[in-house]
Amino acid sequence: MLKINKKKIKPYGDRLDDGCLQMSFTLPVAASAEAREAAKQYVEKLGLKNVSVATMESMGEDFSFFVVYANARHFIDITKIKVPKIEAEFMDYKGLVEYMSRHFDKPLVVVGGAIGTDAHTVGIDAIMNMKGFAGDYGLERYPLIKAHNLRSQISSEVLIEKAAELNADAVLISQVVTQRDSHIKNLKAFIELARKDKRIGKDVLLIVGGPRLDHPIALKLGYDAGFGPGTKPSQVASFIVKELMKRRKISEKTVTVPSGSDLASRNEINEASEVVPIAKEQGVSDDQKREFKKRRRSRGGRRRFKSKSGQKSGLTGQSGGG
């Protein structure tokens, strides 16, 4: 078994600590023997050794693309690296719906959009739209979250105005376009305006997300949290809920099981946590809920019931055409 010294970490290629790197880049010269040598010498000037140009391909007139291998001499002490992380406990949709029902009396208001000239909605839609992302429901589906998706190409002024108008608890900003660090410029402009606007209090969460954003960058820019690629809606929702509870000093409530009651078993507790939030969302009456639970106990398995609109729904958290 390899013995790794975490105080002297180097890139790994053929063997431990060989420092082998693979890199690719383009030079503004036509493909030629001279261009290949130029690529080699350039990498050597970076302080790397044993440089090998594996591939050179023409990228059109006066441009060439290179794939180069080389060995690095430097190492890094990973034990000294500390990266800020989001500490909130992430919960799934069903668990978070039940958790919110115990701690909040009214819905949280979340406003989001892609600011500046960024016309991409894929990021903000993945988090806010009802269908969500990767099988994880979006914020619009949560009974105790009112999600307002302003979509794309929204100015910072408009987003701030909407957040103030709706008395938002959290503002989500998506930045997909990153050419020439346009995302950093947009985020700096927004945070400057938001901090000057007295209607946006310090208890309003300002959250960013995008392919080239993460939590450390967000904190450095003055935001409360940053999420990168692959983030699921429930992760953002969990952070919002937990952070607001912390700032508002809301004590966490635990579920107590009354001895000898109908909720004495863990299965029935889970059943109740499923029925109540979905029933609230679809307008199911108390009588319908009691009838449904009675039928389920007597027949076993999952049954379907009708909401006031007459539409059938199961207990999967799905309703209508969602």
C-alpha atoms as a PDB file:
ATOM      1  CA  MET A   1       0.000   0.000   0.000  1.00  0.00           C
ATOM      2  CA  LEU A   2       1.285   3.447  -0.948  1.00  0.00           C
ATOM      3  CA  LYS A   3       2.429   5.665   1.891  1.00  0.00           C
ATOM      4  CA  ILE A   4       1.348   9.211   1.070  1.00  0.00           C
ATOM      5  CA  ASN A   5       2.931  12.208   2.770  1.00  0.00           C
ATOM      6  CA  LYS A   6       0.120  14.775   2.837  1.00  0.00           C
ATOM      7  CA  LYS A   7       2.605  17.532   3.641  1.00  0.00           C
ATOM      8  CA  LYS A   8       4.344  16.971   0.301  1.00  0.00           C
ATOM      9  CA  ILE A   9       1.665  16.354  -2.306  1.00  0.00           C
ATOM     10  CA  LYS A  10       2.670  16.324  -5.989  1.00  0.00           C
ATOM     11  CA  PRO A  11       0.772  15.407  -9.175  1.00  0.00           C
ATOM     12  CA  TYR A  12       0.535  11.674  -9.816  1.00  0.00           C
ATOM     13  CA  GLY A  13       1.214  10.155 -13.260  1.00  0.00           C
ATOM     14  CA  ASP A  14       2.974   6.825 -13.688  1.00  0.00           C
ATOM     15  CA  ARG A  15       4.152   6.602 -10.089  1.00  0.00           C
ATOM     16  CA  LEU A  16       3.726   8.407  -6.786  1.00  0.00           C
ATOM     17  CA  ASP A  17       5.346  11.851  -6.554  1.00  0.00           C
ATOM     18  CA  ASP A  18       6.561  11.922 -10.172  1.00  0.00           C
ATOM     19  CA  GLY A  19       4.877  15.317 -10.605  1.00  0.00           C
ATOM     20  CA  CYS A  20       3.539  14.415 -14.046  1.00  0.00           C
ATOM     21  CA  LEU A  21       1.197  17.020 -15.581  1.00  0.00           C
ATOM     22  CA  GLN A  22      -0.911  17.067 -18.736  1.00  0.00           C
ATOM     23  CA  MET A  23      -1.837  20.464 -20.159  1.00  0.00           C
ATOM     24  CA  SER A  24      -3.319  21.878 -23.327  1.00  0.00           C
ATOM     25  CA  PHE A  25      -3.147  25.345 -24.871  1.00  0.00           C
ATOM     26  CA  THR A  26      -3.210  27.263 -28.143  1.00  0.00           C
ATOM     27  CA  LEU A  27      -0.453  29.408 -29.652  1.00  0.00           C
ATOM     28  CA  PRO A  28      -1.112  32.055 -32.333  1.00  0.00           C
ATOM     29  CA  VAL A  29       1.258  30.467 -34.851  1.00  0.00           C
ATOM     30  CA  ALA A  30       0.754  28.043 -37.748  1.00  0.00           C
ATOM     31  CA  ALA A  31       1.519  24.371 -37.072  1.00  0.00           C
ATOM     32  CA  SER A  32       5.169  23.692 -37.849  1.00  0.00           C
ATOM     33  CA  ALA A  33       8.363  22.282 -36.374  1.00  0.00           C
ATOM     34  CA  GLU A  34       9.111  25.740 -35.011  1.00  0.00           C
ATOM     35  CA  ALA A  35       5.668  25.941 -33.402  1.00  0.00           C
ATOM     36  CA  ARG A  36       6.226  22.595 -31.670  1.00  0.00           C
ATOM     37  CA  GLU A  37       9.563  23.779 -30.305  1.00  0.00           C
ATOM     38  CA  ALA A  38       7.982  27.070 -29.190  1.00  0.00           C
ATOM     39  CA  ALA A  39       5.387  25.137 -27.196  1.00  0.00           C
ATOM     40  CA  LYS A  40       8.112  23.059 -25.549  1.00  0.00           C
ATOM     41  CA  GLN A  41      10.233  26.065 -24.621  1.00  0.00           C
ATOM     42  CA  TYR A  42       7.225  27.924 -23.252  1.00  0.00           C
ATOM     43  CA  VAL A  43       6.395  25.087 -20.836  1.00  0.00           C
ATOM     44  CA  GLU A  44      10.054  24.876 -19.780  1.00  0.00           C
ATOM     45  CA  LYS A  45       9.912  28.590 -18.891  1.00  0.00           C
ATOM     46  CA  LEU A  46       7.057  27.751 -16.521  1.00  0.00           C
ATOM     47  CA  GLY A  47       9.600  25.816 -14.466  1.00  0.00           C
ATOM     48  CA  LEU A  48       8.590  22.327 -15.617  1.00  0.00           C
ATOM     49  CA  LYS A  49      11.019  19.637 -16.749  1.00  0.00           C
ATOM     50  CA  ASN A  50      11.008  16.597 -19.060  1.00  0.00           C
ATOM     51  CA  VAL A  51       8.669  18.427 -21.453  1.00  0.00           C
ATOM     52  CA  SER A  52       7.067  16.333 -24.195  1.00  0.00           C
ATOM     53  CA  VAL A  53       4.738  17.764 -26.847  1.00  0.00           C
ATOM     54  CA  ALA A  54       2.373  14.851 -27.444  1.00  0.00           C
ATOM     55  CA  THR A  55       0.032  16.509 -29.950  1.00  0.00           C
ATOM     56  CA  MET A  56       0.068  19.506 -32.285  1.00  0.00           C
ATOM     57  CA  GLU A  57      -3.011  20.263 -34.382  1.00  0.00           C
ATOM     58  CA  SER A  58      -3.803  23.154 -36.693  1.00  0.00           C
ATOM     59  CA  MET A  59      -6.610  25.402 -35.415  1.00  0.00           C
ATOM     60  CA  GLY A  60      -6.969  27.302 -38.673  1.00  0.00           C
ATOM     61  CA  GLU A  61      -4.702  29.873 -40.213  1.00  0.00           C
ATOM     62  CA  ASP A  62      -1.941  30.990 -37.835  1.00  0.00           C
ATOM     63  CA  PHE A  63      -3.200  29.036 -34.791  1.00  0.00           C
ATOM     64  CA  SER A  64      -2.065  25.695 -33.338  1.00  0.00           C
ATOM     65  CA  PHE A  65      -3.343  23.542 -30.480  1.00  0.00           C
ATOM     66  CA  PHE A  66      -0.962  21.539 -28.260  1.00  0.00           C
ATOM     67  CA  VAL A  67      -1.191  18.749 -25.674  1.00  0.00           C
ATOM     68  CA  VAL A  68       1.937  18.655 -23.539  1.00  0.00           C
ATOM     69  CA  TYR A  69       3.276  16.434 -20.741  1.00  0.00           C
ATOM     70  CA  ALA A  70       5.834  17.578 -18.201  1.00  0.00           C
ATOM     71  CA  ASN A  71       7.027  17.034 -14.630  1.00  0.00           C
ATOM     72  CA  ALA A  72       6.591  19.541 -11.818  1.00  0.00           C
ATOM     73  CA  ARG A  73       9.195  20.045  -9.100  1.00  0.00           C
ATOM     74  CA  HIS A  74       7.008  21.808  -6.550  1.00  0.00           C
ATOM     75  CA  PHE A  75       4.820  20.179  -3.890  1.00  0.00           C
ATOM     76  CA  ILE A  76       1.989  21.388  -1.672  1.00  0.00           C
ATOM     77  CA  ASP A  77       1.196  20.857   2.017  1.00  0.00           C
ATOM     78  CA  ILE A  78      -2.507  19.992   1.932  1.00  0.00           C
ATOM     79  CA  THR A  79      -2.720  19.876   5.742  1.00  0.00           C
ATOM     80  CA  LYS A  80      -2.412  23.673   5.820  1.00  0.00           C
ATOM     81  CA  ILE A  81      -5.262  24.295   3.374  1.00  0.00           C
ATOM     82  CA  LYS A  82      -8.575  25.410   4.877  1.00  0.00           C
ATOM     83  CA  VAL A  83     -11.524  26.073   2.551  1.00  0.00           C
ATOM     84  CA  PRO A  84     -14.796  27.650   3.782  1.00  0.00           C
ATOM     85  CA  LYS A  85     -17.690  25.230   3.372  1.00  0.00           C
ATOM     86  CA  ILE A  86     -21.439  25.449   3.762  1.00  0.00           C
ATOM     87  CA  GLU A  87     -22.045  23.835   7.129  1.00  0.00           C
ATOM     88  CA  ALA A  88     -25.837  23.461   6.901  1.00  0.00           C
ATOM     89  CA  GLU A  89     -27.291  19.957   7.165  1.00  0.00           C
ATOM     90  CA  PHE A  90     -28.808  19.088   3.777  1.00  0.00           C
ATOM     91  CA  MET A  91     -32.232  17.412   3.785  1.00  0.00           C
ATOM     92  CA  ASP A  92     -34.256  15.921   0.945  1.00  0.00           C
ATOM     93  CA  TYR A  93     -37.577  17.351  -0.243  1.00  0.00           C
ATOM     94  CA  LYS A  94     -39.848  15.251   1.963  1.00  0.00           C
ATOM     95  CA  GLY A  95     -37.768  15.736   5.078  1.00  0.00           C
ATOM     96  CA  LEU A  96     -37.443  19.461   4.506  1.00  0.00           C
ATOM     97  CA  VAL A  97     -41.188  19.927   3.920  1.00  0.00           C
ATOM     98  CA  GLU A  98     -41.928  18.224   7.245  1.00  0.00           C
ATOM     99  CA  TYR A  99     -39.143  20.160   8.982  1.00  0.00           C
ATOM    100  CA  MET A 100     -40.410  23.523   7.720  1.00  0.00           C
ATOM    101  CA  SER A 101     -43.959  22.748   8.797  1.00  0.00           C
ATOM    102  CA  ARG A 102     -42.693  22.468  12.387  1.00  0.00           C
ATOM    103  CA  HIS A 103     -40.677  25.689  12.376  1.00  0.00           C
ATOM    104  CA  PHE A 104     -42.381  28.231  10.107  1.00  0.00           C
ATOM    105  CA  ASP A 105     -45.915  29.627  10.289  1.00  0.00           C
ATOM    106  CA  LYS A 106     -45.818  31.378   6.922  1.00  0.00           C
ATOM    107  CA  PRO A 107     -44.040  30.750   3.599  1.00  0.00           C
ATOM    108  CA  LEU A 108     -40.520  32.003   3.001  1.00  0.00           C
ATOM    109  CA  VAL A 109     -40.206  34.336   0.014  1.00  0.00           C
ATOM    110  CA  VAL A 110     -37.376  33.615  -2.432  1.00  0.00           C
ATOM    111  CA  VAL A 111     -36.662  35.830  -5.455  1.00  0.00           C
ATOM    112  CA  GLY A 112     -34.162  34.842  -8.132  1.00  0.00           C
ATOM    113  CA  GLY A 113     -32.848  35.527 -11.609  1.00  0.00           C
ATOM    114  CA  ALA A 114     -29.813  35.834 -13.868  1.00  0.00           C
ATOM    115  CA  ILE A 115     -28.534  39.414 -13.744  1.00  0.00           C
ATOM    116  CA  GLY A 116     -26.761  41.519 -16.341  1.00  0.00           C
ATOM    117  CA  THR A 117     -26.702  40.430 -19.981  1.00  0.00           C
ATOM    118  CA  ASP A 118     -26.654  36.741 -19.022  1.00  0.00           C
ATOM    119  CA  ALA A 119     -29.465  35.164 -21.049  1.00  0.00           C
ATOM    120  CA  HIS A 120     -29.095  31.660 -19.604  1.00  0.00           C
ATOM    121  CA  THR A 121     -31.909  30.379 -17.389  1.00  0.00           C
ATOM    122  CA  VAL A 122     -30.744  26.779 -17.058  1.00  0.00           C
ATOM    123  CA  GLY A 123     -29.183  27.399 -13.638  1.00  0.00           C
ATOM    124  CA  ILE A 124     -31.935  29.435 -12.000  1.00  0.00           C
ATOM    125  CA  ASP A 125     -34.631  27.189 -13.516  1.00  0.00           C
ATOM    126  CA  ALA A 126     -32.971  24.043 -12.149  1.00  0.00           C
ATOM    127  CA  ILE A 127     -33.188  25.427  -8.625  1.00  0.00           C
ATOM    128  CA  MET A 128     -36.521  27.270  -8.708  1.00  0.00           C
ATOM    129  CA  ASN A 129     -38.810  25.511 -11.203  1.00  0.00           C
ATOM    130  CA  MET A 130     -41.238  22.954  -9.794  1.00  0.00           C
ATOM    131  CA  LYS A 131     -39.673  19.996 -11.629  1.00  0.00           C
ATOM    132  CA  GLY A 132     -36.244  20.837 -10.256  1.00  0.00           C
ATOM    133  CA  PHE A 133     -33.060  19.031 -11.254  1.00  0.00           C
ATOM    134  CA  ALA A 134     -31.758  15.453 -11.169  1.00  0.00           C
ATOM    135  CA  GLY A 135     -34.981  14.123  -9.598  1.00  0.00           C
ATOM    136  CA  ASP A 136     -34.878  16.763  -6.874  1.00  0.00           C
ATOM    137  CA  TYR A 137     -37.947  19.048  -6.713  1.00  0.00           C
ATOM    138  CA  GLY A 138     -37.439  22.794  -7.180  1.00  0.00           C
ATOM    139  CA  LEU A 139     -38.345  25.559  -4.740  1.00  0.00           C
ATOM    140  CA  GLU A 140     -41.701  26.235  -6.420  1.00  0.00           C
ATOM    141  CA  ARG A 141     -42.924  22.876  -5.165  1.00  0.00           C
ATOM    142  CA  TYR A 142     -42.321  23.531  -1.476  1.00  0.00           C
ATOM    143  CA  PRO A 143     -45.593  24.407   0.333  1.00  0.00           C
ATOM    144  CA  LEU A 144     -43.815  26.859   2.615  1.00  0.00           C
ATOM    145  CA  ILE A 145     -41.703  28.612  -0.033  1.00  0.00           C
ATOM    146  CA  LYS A 146     -43.029  31.266  -2.399  1.00  0.00           C
ATOM    147  CA  ALA A 147     -40.542  31.225  -5.262  1.00  0.00           C
ATOM    148  CA  HIS A 148     -40.450  34.104  -7.756  1.00  0.00           C
ATOM    149  CA  ASN A 149     -38.282  33.325 -10.797  1.00  0.00           C
ATOM    150  CA  LEU A 150     -37.517  36.505 -12.756  1.00  0.00           C
ATOM    151  CA  ARG A 151     -35.606  34.485 -15.348  1.00  0.00           C
ATOM    152  CA  SER A 152     -32.730  36.111 -17.280  1.00  0.00           C
ATOM    153  CA  GLN A 153     -31.202  39.454 -18.268  1.00  0.00           C
ATOM    154  CA  ILE A 154     -32.498  41.164 -15.149  1.00  0.00           C
ATOM    155  CA  SER A 155     -30.738  44.332 -14.024  1.00  0.00           C
ATOM    156  CA  SER A 156     -29.483  44.499 -10.461  1.00  0.00           C
ATOM    157  CA  GLU A 157     -31.849  47.397  -9.829  1.00  0.00           C
ATOM    158  CA  VAL A 158     -34.910  45.400 -10.945  1.00  0.00           C
ATOM    159  CA  LEU A 159     -33.962  42.374  -8.836  1.00  0.00           C
ATOM    160  CA  ILE A 160     -33.435  44.532  -5.752  1.00  0.00           C
ATOM    161  CA  GLU A 161     -36.707  46.352  -6.337  1.00  0.00           C
ATOM    162  CA  LYS A 162     -38.617  43.060  -6.636  1.00  0.00           C
ATOM    163  CA  ALA A 163     -36.949  41.654  -3.517  1.00  0.00           C
ATOM    164  CA  ALA A 164     -37.945  44.766  -1.557  1.00  0.00           C
ATOM    165  CA  GLU A 165     -41.490  44.739  -2.949  1.00  0.00           C
ATOM    166  CA  LEU A 166     -42.067  41.111  -1.962  1.00  0.00           C
ATOM    167  CA  ASN A 167     -40.221  41.426   1.348  1.00  0.00           C
ATOM    168  CA  ALA A 168     -37.927  38.584   0.277  1.00  0.00           C
ATOM    169  CA  ASP A 169     -36.224  36.310   2.766  1.00  0.00           C
ATOM    170  CA  ALA A 170     -33.607  35.235   0.211  1.00  0.00           C
ATOM    171  CA  VAL A 171     -32.330  36.384  -3.184  1.00  0.00           C
ATOM    172  CA  LEU A 172     -30.788  33.903  -5.624  1.00  0.00           C
ATOM    173  CA  ILE A 173     -28.490  35.093  -8.422  1.00  0.00           C
ATOM    174  CA  SER A 174     -27.397  32.846 -11.275  1.00  0.00           C
ATOM    175  CA  GLN A 175     -24.359  33.606 -13.445  1.00  0.00           C
ATOM    176  CA  VAL A 176     -23.585  31.235 -16.299  1.00  0.00           C
ATOM    177  CA  VAL A 177     -21.739  33.593 -18.657  1.00  0.00           C
ATOM    178  CA  THR A 178     -18.204  34.147 -17.372  1.00  0.00           C
ATOM    179  CA  GLN A 179     -16.244  35.620 -20.309  1.00  0.00           C
ATOM    180  CA  ARG A 180     -13.755  38.248 -19.155  1.00  0.00           C
ATOM    181  CA  ASP A 181     -14.994  37.744 -15.602  1.00  0.00           C
ATOM    182  CA  SER A 182     -18.346  39.348 -16.419  1.00  0.00           C
ATOM    183  CA  HIS A 183     -19.928  37.285 -13.623  1.00  0.00           C
ATOM    184  CA  ILE A 184     -17.591  38.813 -11.033  1.00  0.00           C
ATOM    185  CA  LYS A 185     -18.299  42.339 -12.267  1.00  0.00           C
ATOM    186  CA  ASN A 186     -22.067  41.736 -12.184  1.00  0.00           C
ATOM    187  CA  LEU A 187     -21.952  40.304  -8.672  1.00  0.00           C
ATOM    188  CA  LYS A 188     -19.831  43.158  -7.368  1.00  0.00           C
ATOM    189  CA  ALA A 189     -22.265  45.682  -8.832  1.00  0.00           C
ATOM    190  CA  PHE A 190     -25.262  43.906  -7.277  1.00  0.00           C
ATOM    191  CA  ILE A 191     -23.807  43.575  -3.782  1.00  0.00           C
ATOM    192  CA  GLU A 192     -22.829  47.249  -3.774  1.00  0.00           C
ATOM    193  CA  LEU A 193     -26.381  48.313  -4.638  1.00  0.00           C
ATOM    194  CA  ALA A 194     -27.978  45.806  -2.235  1.00  0.00           C
ATOM    195  CA  ARG A 195     -25.888  46.928   0.747  1.00  0.00           C
ATOM    196  CA  LYS A 196     -26.787  50.561   0.096  1.00  0.00           C
ATOM    197  CA  ASP A 197     -30.527  49.848  -0.134  1.00  0.00           C
ATOM    198  CA  LYS A 198     -31.982  50.040   3.375  1.00  0.00           C
ATOM    199  CA  ARG A 199     -34.968  47.923   2.310  1.00  0.00           C
ATOM    200  CA  ILE A 200     -32.676  44.905   1.923  1.00  0.00           C
ATOM    201  CA  GLY A 201     -31.889  44.116   5.529  1.00  0.00           C
ATOM    202  CA  LYS A 202     -28.905  42.140   6.789  1.00  0.00           C
ATOM    203  CA  ASP A 203     -31.214  39.214   7.528  1.00  0.00           C
ATOM    204  CA  VAL A 204     -32.013  38.820   3.793  1.00  0.00           C
ATOM    205  CA  LEU A 205     -29.874  35.983   2.418  1.00  0.00           C
ATOM    206  CA  LEU A 206     -27.930  36.766  -0.750  1.00  0.00           C
ATOM    207  CA  ILE A 207     -26.952  33.569  -2.571  1.00  0.00           C
ATOM    208  CA  VAL A 208     -25.090  33.058  -5.853  1.00  0.00           C
ATOM    209  CA  GLY A 209     -24.588  30.086  -8.140  1.00  0.00           C
ATOM    210  CA  GLY A 210     -22.944  29.191 -11.428  1.00  0.00           C
ATOM    211  CA  PRO A 211     -20.385  26.970 -13.172  1.00  0.00           C
ATOM    212  CA  ARG A 212     -17.432  29.094 -12.032  1.00  0.00           C
ATOM    213  CA  LEU A 213     -18.715  30.042  -8.605  1.00  0.00           C
ATOM    214  CA  ASP A 214     -18.323  28.385  -5.219  1.00  0.00           C
ATOM    215  CA  HIS A 215     -18.722  29.193  -1.535  1.00  0.00           C
ATOM    216  CA  PRO A 216     -15.268  30.784  -0.960  1.00  0.00           C
ATOM    217  CA  ILE A 217     -15.714  33.117  -3.953  1.00  0.00           C
ATOM    218  CA  ALA A 218     -19.199  34.080  -2.765  1.00  0.00           C
ATOM    219  CA  LEU A 219     -17.951  34.921   0.726  1.00  0.00           C
ATOM    220  CA  LYS A 220     -15.086  36.971  -0.715  1.00  0.00           C
ATOM    221  CA  LEU A 221     -17.579  39.018  -2.756  1.00  0.00           C
ATOM    222  CA  GLY A 222     -19.766  39.642   0.289  1.00  0.00           C
ATOM    223  CA  TYR A 223     -22.536  37.080  -0.271  1.00  0.00           C
ATOM    224  CA  ASP A 224     -23.909  34.602   2.242  1.00  0.00           C
ATOM    225  CA  ALA A 225     -23.366  31.449   0.188  1.00  0.00           C
ATOM    226  CA  GLY A 226     -22.224  30.190  -3.191  1.00  0.00           C
ATOM    227  CA  PHE A 227     -23.166  26.987  -5.008  1.00  0.00           C
ATOM    228  CA  GLY A 228     -21.361  25.418  -7.966  1.00  0.00           C
ATOM    229  CA  PRO A 229     -22.198  22.884 -10.697  1.00  0.00           C
ATOM    230  CA  GLY A 230     -24.378  19.914  -9.712  1.00  0.00           C
ATOM    231  CA  THR A 231     -26.127  21.707  -6.853  1.00  0.00           C
ATOM    232  CA  LYS A 232     -29.619  20.368  -6.138  1.00  0.00           C
ATOM    233  CA  PRO A 233     -32.621  22.516  -5.143  1.00  0.00           C
ATOM    234  CA  SER A 234     -32.975  20.798  -1.768  1.00  0.00           C
ATOM    235  CA  GLN A 235     -29.409  21.822  -0.894  1.00  0.00           C
ATOM    236  CA  VAL A 236     -30.187  25.481  -1.537  1.00  0.00           C
ATOM    237  CA  ALA A 237     -33.502  25.175   0.313  1.00  0.00           C
ATOM    238  CA  SER A 238     -31.797  23.482   3.276  1.00  0.00           C
ATOM    239  CA  PHE A 239     -29.264  26.291   3.552  1.00  0.00           C
ATOM    240  CA  ILE A 240     -31.963  28.962   3.386  1.00  0.00           C
ATOM    241  CA  VAL A 241     -34.063  27.292   6.076  1.00  0.00           C
ATOM    242  CA  LYS A 242     -31.178  26.518   8.442  1.00  0.00           C
ATOM    243  CA  GLU A 243     -29.491  29.908   8.039  1.00  0.00           C
ATOM    244  CA  LEU A 244     -32.728  31.856   8.569  1.00  0.00           C
ATOM    245  CA  MET A 245     -33.463  29.835  11.699  1.00  0.00           C
ATOM    246  CA  LYS A 246     -29.980  30.617  12.978  1.00  0.00           C
ATOM    247  CA  ARG A 247     -30.251  34.347  12.292  1.00  0.00           C
ATOM    248  CA  ARG A 248     -33.773  34.616  13.677  1.00  0.00           C
ATOM    249  CA  LYS A 249     -32.870  32.480  16.684  1.00  0.00           C
ATOM    250  CA  ILE A 250     -35.602  29.942  16.004  1.00  0.00           C
ATOM    251  CA  SER A 251     -35.123  26.948  18.271  1.00  0.00           C
ATOM    252  CA  GLU A 252     -35.268  23.530  16.663  1.00  0.00           C
ATOM    253  CA  LYS A 253     -38.344  21.506  17.553  1.00  0.00           C
ATOM    254  CA  THR A 254     -38.242  17.746  17.807  1.00  0.00           C
ATOM    255  CA  VAL A 255     -41.054  15.323  17.054  1.00  0.00           C
ATOM    256  CA  THR A 256     -42.542  13.792  20.191  1.00  0.00           C
ATOM    257  CA  VAL A 257     -44.382  10.482  19.993  1.00  0.00           C
ATOM    258  CA  PRO A 258     -47.468  10.314  22.271  1.00  0.00           C
ATOM    259  CA  SER A 259     -47.532   6.945  24.022  1.00  0.00           C
ATOM    260  CA  GLY A 260     -50.498   4.776  23.050  1.00  0.00           C
ATOM    261  CA  SER A 261     -51.692   7.117  20.310  1.00  0.00           C
ATOM    262  CA  ASP A 262     -52.301   6.415  16.630  1.00  0.00           C
ATOM    263  CA  LEU A 263     -48.853   7.838  15.930  1.00  0.00           C
ATOM    264  CA  ALA A 264     -47.025   5.469  18.238  1.00  0.00           C
ATOM    265  CA  SER A 265     -45.258   3.648  15.415  1.00  0.00           C
ATOM    266  CA  ARG A 266     -42.524   5.184  13.283  1.00  0.00           C
ATOM    267  CA  ASN A 267     -44.307   4.139  10.074  1.00  0.00           C
ATOM    268  CA  GLU A 268     -47.389   6.124  11.017  1.00  0.00           C
ATOM    269  CA  ILE A 269     -45.282   9.161  11.868  1.00  0.00           C
ATOM    270  CA  ASN A 270     -43.730   8.992   8.406  1.00  0.00           C
ATOM    271  CA  GLU A 271     -47.196   8.560   6.919  1.00  0.00           C
ATOM    272  CA  ALA A 272     -48.442  11.680   8.685  1.00  0.00           C
ATOM    273  CA  SER A 273     -45.445  13.729   7.529  1.00  0.00           C
ATOM    274  CA  GLU A 274     -46.229  12.649   3.942  1.00  0.00           C
ATOM    275  CA  VAL A 275     -49.948  13.360   4.030  1.00  0.00           C
ATOM    276  CA  VAL A 276     -50.088  16.738   5.744  1.00  0.00           C
ATOM    277  CA  PRO A 277     -47.687  18.798   3.553  1.00  0.00           C
ATOM    278  CA  ILE A 278     -49.093  17.394   0.279  1.00  0.00           C
ATOM    279  CA  ALA A 279     -52.625  17.868   1.548  1.00  0.00           C
ATOM    280  CA  LYS A 280     -51.853  21.518   2.324  1.00  0.00           C
ATOM    281  CA  GLU A 281     -50.443  21.976  -1.141  1.00  0.00           C
ATOM    282  CA  GLN A 282     -53.472  20.473  -2.923  1.00  0.00           C
ATOM    283  CA  GLY A 283     -56.278  21.738  -0.725  1.00  0.00           C
ATOM    284  CA  VAL A 284     -57.361  18.405   0.721  1.00  0.00           C
ATOM    285  CA  SER A 285     -59.841  18.696   3.588  1.00  0.00           C
ATOM    286  CA  ASP A 286     -59.298  17.235   7.073  1.00  0.00           C
ATOM    287  CA  ASP A 287     -62.099  14.724   6.489  1.00  0.00           C
ATOM    288  CA  GLN A 288     -60.418  13.537   3.278  1.00  0.00           C
ATOM    289  CA  LYS A 289     -57.110  13.127   5.098  1.00  0.00           C
ATOM    290  CA  ARG A 290     -58.684  11.055   7.867  1.00  0.00           C
ATOM    291  CA  GLU A 291     -60.550   8.908   5.339  1.00  0.00           C
ATOM    292  CA  PHE A 292     -57.382   8.359   3.348  1.00  0.00           C
ATOM    293  CA  LYS A 293     -55.356   7.259   6.383  1.00  0.00           C
ATOM    294  CA  LYS A 294     -58.198   4.971   7.505  1.00  0.00           C
ATOM    295  CA  ARG A 295     -58.287   3.269   4.083  1.00  0.00           C
ATOM    296  CA  ARG A 296     -54.539   2.942   3.976  1.00  0.00           C
ATOM    297  CA  ARG A 297     -54.355   1.233   7.385  1.00  0.00           C
ATOM    298  CA  SER A 298     -57.174  -1.151   6.521  1.00  0.00           C
ATOM    299  CA  ARG A 299     -55.999  -2.095   3.015  1.00  0.00           C
ATOM    300  CA  GLY A 300     -52.251  -1.517   3.207  1.00  0.00           C
ATOM    301  CA  GLY A 301     -50.038   0.049   0.552  1.00  0.00           C
ATOM    302  CA  ARG A 302     -50.353   3.411  -1.136  1.00  0.00           C
ATOM    303  CA  ARG A 303     -53.801   4.574  -2.278  1.00  0.00           C
ATOM    304  CA  ARG A 304     -54.860   7.529  -4.315  1.00  0.00           C
ATOM    305  CA  PHE A 305     -57.253  10.255  -3.295  1.00  0.00           C
ATOM    306  CA  LYS A 306     -58.876  13.207  -4.979  1.00  0.00           C
ATOM    307  CA  SER A 307     -58.220  16.833  -4.159  1.00  0.00           C
ATOM    308  CA  LYS A 308     -60.917  19.505  -4.282  1.00  0.00           C
ATOM    309  CA  SER A 309     -60.202  19.999  -7.981  1.00  0.00           C
ATOM    310  CA  GLY A 310     -61.077  16.333  -8.599  1.00  0.00           C
ATOM    311  CA  GLN A 311     -57.545  15.538  -9.743  1.00  0.00           C
ATOM    312  CA  LYS A 312     -56.003  12.273  -8.572  1.00  0.00           C
ATOM    313  CA  SER A 313     -52.707  12.374  -6.744  1.00  0.00           C
ATOM    314  CA  GLY A 314     -50.422   9.921  -5.025  1.00  0.00           C
ATOM    315  CA  LEU A 315     -48.021  10.439  -2.142  1.00  0.00           C
ATOM    316  CA  THR A 316     -44.933  10.947  -4.270  1.00  0.00           C
ATOM    317  CA  GLY A 317     -45.028  14.722  -3.957  1.00  0.00           C
ATOM    318  CA  GLN A 318     -46.265  14.984  -7.558  1.00  0.00           C
ATOM    319  CA  SER A 319     -49.366  16.887  -8.502  1.00  0.00           C
ATOM    320  CA  GLY A 320     -51.096  17.591 -11.768  1.00  0.00           C
ATOM    321  CA  GLY A 321     -48.704  18.031 -14.656  1.00  0.00           C
ATOM    322  CA  GLY A 322     -45.656  18.628 -12.407  1.00  0.00           C
END
